[in-house]
Amino acid sequence: MTTPRKVYLARAGARGEDEEFALENHLAIIGFRDVPTLAAAKDYDDVFKIVEQAMPAAKPRAIGNRAGQVWAFSLAMKPGDIVVMPRKLTSQIALGIVSGPYQFRKVRDEFRHTREVKWMRPDVARTGWWRLF
């Protein structure tokens, strides 16, 4: 029996500012610019500690929320899982398959949380997309 694929959401910026870069460079890129690299994290507790240090004035619930999102992207997401990227610039969604590990890499002029993705369909209508499956 094969392990079922999970589906993850990766936004490309509040105004779609990372959409084209993500598609052209085969990446899923998430925000959380205030959170440093998670490369050394082994589990959720490690991620929580890193986020807690990055957000010293935040309430525990806010830290937990952020930690959960970056944990899912950095540790829970596995190659073969599906990524959905809502596109703000075209009102479509991009569908891809995770193809690489978490990396904290330079994107333009700053370091970002990324995953390599094979974008299968960058131009799916927001309505009726589930019929593809």
Protein backbone atom coordinates (compact mmCIF):
# COMPACT_ATOMS: atom_id res chain seq x y z
CA MET A 1 0.00 0.00 0.00
CA THR A 2 1.35 3.44 -0.90
CA THR A 3 1.33 6.37 1.45
CA PRO A 4 -1.39 8.85 0.45
CA ARG A 5 -0.28 12.25 -0.73
CA LYS A 6 -1.04 15.25 1.39
CA VAL A 7 -2.04 18.64 0.02
CA TYR A 8 -0.38 21.85 1.18
CA LEU A 9 -1.12 25.49 0.50
CA ALA A 10 1.79 27.81 -0.32
CA ARG A 11 0.95 31.42 -0.99
CA ALA A 12 3.23 33.51 -3.18
CA GLY A 13 2.91 36.77 -1.29
CA ALA A 14 -0.05 38.84 -0.15
CA ARG A 15 -0.18 40.52 -3.56
CA GLY A 16 1.32 37.71 -5.64
CA GLU A 17 4.78 39.26 -5.62
CA ASP A 18 6.54 35.85 -5.64
CA GLU A 19 4.30 34.05 -8.16
CA GLU A 20 6.38 34.37 -11.30
CA PHE A 21 9.67 33.75 -9.49
CA ALA A 22 8.24 30.63 -7.86
CA LEU A 23 6.92 29.25 -11.14
CA GLU A 24 10.02 30.09 -13.17
CA ASN A 25 12.38 28.63 -10.55
CA HIS A 26 10.29 25.56 -9.64
CA LEU A 27 9.82 26.61 -6.01
CA ALA A 28 7.21 26.96 -3.35
CA ILE A 29 8.14 30.02 -1.29
CA ILE A 30 6.52 31.05 1.97
CA GLY A 31 6.73 34.29 3.92
CA PHE A 32 7.60 34.24 7.60
CA ARG A 33 10.61 36.44 6.93
CA ASP A 34 11.10 36.94 10.66
CA VAL A 35 11.72 33.21 11.20
CA PRO A 36 15.33 32.12 10.56
CA THR A 37 16.34 28.84 8.95
CA LEU A 38 14.66 25.66 10.17
CA ALA A 39 17.30 23.36 8.65
CA ALA A 40 18.44 22.10 12.08
CA ALA A 41 14.89 21.46 13.36
CA LYS A 42 14.06 17.79 13.83
CA ASP A 43 10.47 18.10 15.10
CA TYR A 44 7.69 20.50 16.02
CA ASP A 45 9.25 21.32 19.39
CA ASP A 46 12.46 22.45 17.69
CA VAL A 47 10.47 24.62 15.27
CA PHE A 48 8.45 26.08 18.15
CA LYS A 49 11.64 27.10 19.97
CA ILE A 50 13.07 28.77 16.86
CA VAL A 51 9.84 30.68 16.26
CA GLU A 52 9.59 31.62 19.94
CA GLN A 53 13.10 33.12 19.82
CA ALA A 54 12.25 35.02 16.63
CA MET A 55 9.05 36.46 18.18
CA PRO A 56 9.93 37.29 21.80
CA ALA A 57 6.98 39.65 22.32
CA ALA A 58 4.35 37.37 20.78
CA LYS A 59 1.68 35.50 22.71
CA PRO A 60 1.99 31.70 22.96
CA ARG A 61 -1.00 31.16 20.68
CA ALA A 62 0.53 33.33 17.94
CA ILE A 63 3.83 31.49 18.29
CA GLY A 64 2.04 28.14 18.07
CA ASN A 65 0.12 29.23 14.98
CA ARG A 66 3.25 30.37 13.17
CA ALA A 67 5.25 27.35 14.34
CA GLY A 68 2.56 25.01 13.00
CA GLN A 69 2.61 26.62 9.58
CA VAL A 70 6.39 26.64 9.15
CA TRP A 71 6.65 23.11 10.63
CA ALA A 72 4.20 21.84 8.01
CA PHE A 73 6.23 23.45 5.22
CA SER A 74 9.68 22.47 6.48
CA LEU A 75 9.18 19.04 8.08
CA ALA A 76 5.75 17.55 7.41
CA MET A 77 5.72 18.22 3.67
CA LYS A 78 7.41 15.39 1.76
CA PRO A 79 8.45 14.84 -1.86
CA GLY A 80 5.43 13.56 -3.75
CA ASP A 81 2.96 15.71 -1.79
CA ILE A 82 0.80 18.21 -3.67
CA VAL A 83 1.23 21.99 -3.44
CA VAL A 84 -1.54 24.42 -4.30
CA MET A 85 -0.49 28.01 -4.93
CA PRO A 86 -3.34 30.52 -5.32
CA ARG A 87 -2.35 33.05 -7.94
CA LYS A 88 -3.31 36.65 -7.20
CA LEU A 89 -2.14 38.05 -10.53
CA THR A 90 -4.27 35.75 -12.71
CA SER A 91 -7.06 34.53 -10.38
CA GLN A 92 -5.98 30.95 -11.05
CA ILE A 93 -4.21 28.32 -8.99
CA ALA A 94 -0.97 26.49 -9.69
CA LEU A 95 -0.77 22.78 -8.86
CA GLY A 96 2.55 21.08 -8.28
CA ILE A 97 4.31 18.10 -6.77
CA VAL A 98 6.95 18.60 -4.06
CA SER A 99 10.24 17.39 -5.54
CA GLY A 100 12.86 18.41 -3.01
CA PRO A 101 13.66 19.02 0.65
CA TYR A 102 13.16 22.17 2.68
CA GLN A 103 15.84 24.79 2.01
CA PHE A 104 16.50 28.23 3.41
CA ARG A 105 17.92 29.81 0.28
CA LYS A 106 18.54 33.17 -1.25
CA VAL A 107 15.61 34.42 -3.31
CA ARG A 108 16.47 37.68 -4.97
CA ASP A 109 18.06 39.72 -2.15
CA GLU A 110 16.96 37.79 0.94
CA PHE A 111 16.88 34.31 2.41
CA ARG A 112 13.52 32.54 2.23
CA HIS A 113 11.87 29.25 3.22
CA THR A 114 11.55 27.18 0.02
CA ARG A 115 10.73 23.75 -1.38
CA GLU A 116 11.48 22.52 -4.89
CA VAL A 117 8.28 21.85 -6.80
CA LYS A 118 7.49 20.43 -10.20
CA TRP A 119 4.66 22.69 -11.28
CA MET A 120 2.28 20.43 -13.19
CA ARG A 121 -0.43 22.99 -13.95
CA PRO A 122 0.30 26.69 -13.33
CA ASP A 123 -2.98 27.88 -14.82
CA VAL A 124 -5.94 26.02 -13.34
CA ALA A 125 -9.24 27.85 -12.94
CA ARG A 126 -10.28 28.32 -9.31
CA THR A 127 -13.64 26.76 -10.05
CA GLY A 128 -13.93 23.09 -10.96
CA TRP A 129 -10.26 22.21 -10.40
CA TRP A 130 -11.18 19.20 -8.25
CA ARG A 131 -12.43 17.49 -11.40
CA LEU A 132 -8.78 17.02 -12.39
CA PHE A 133 -8.49 14.35 -9.72
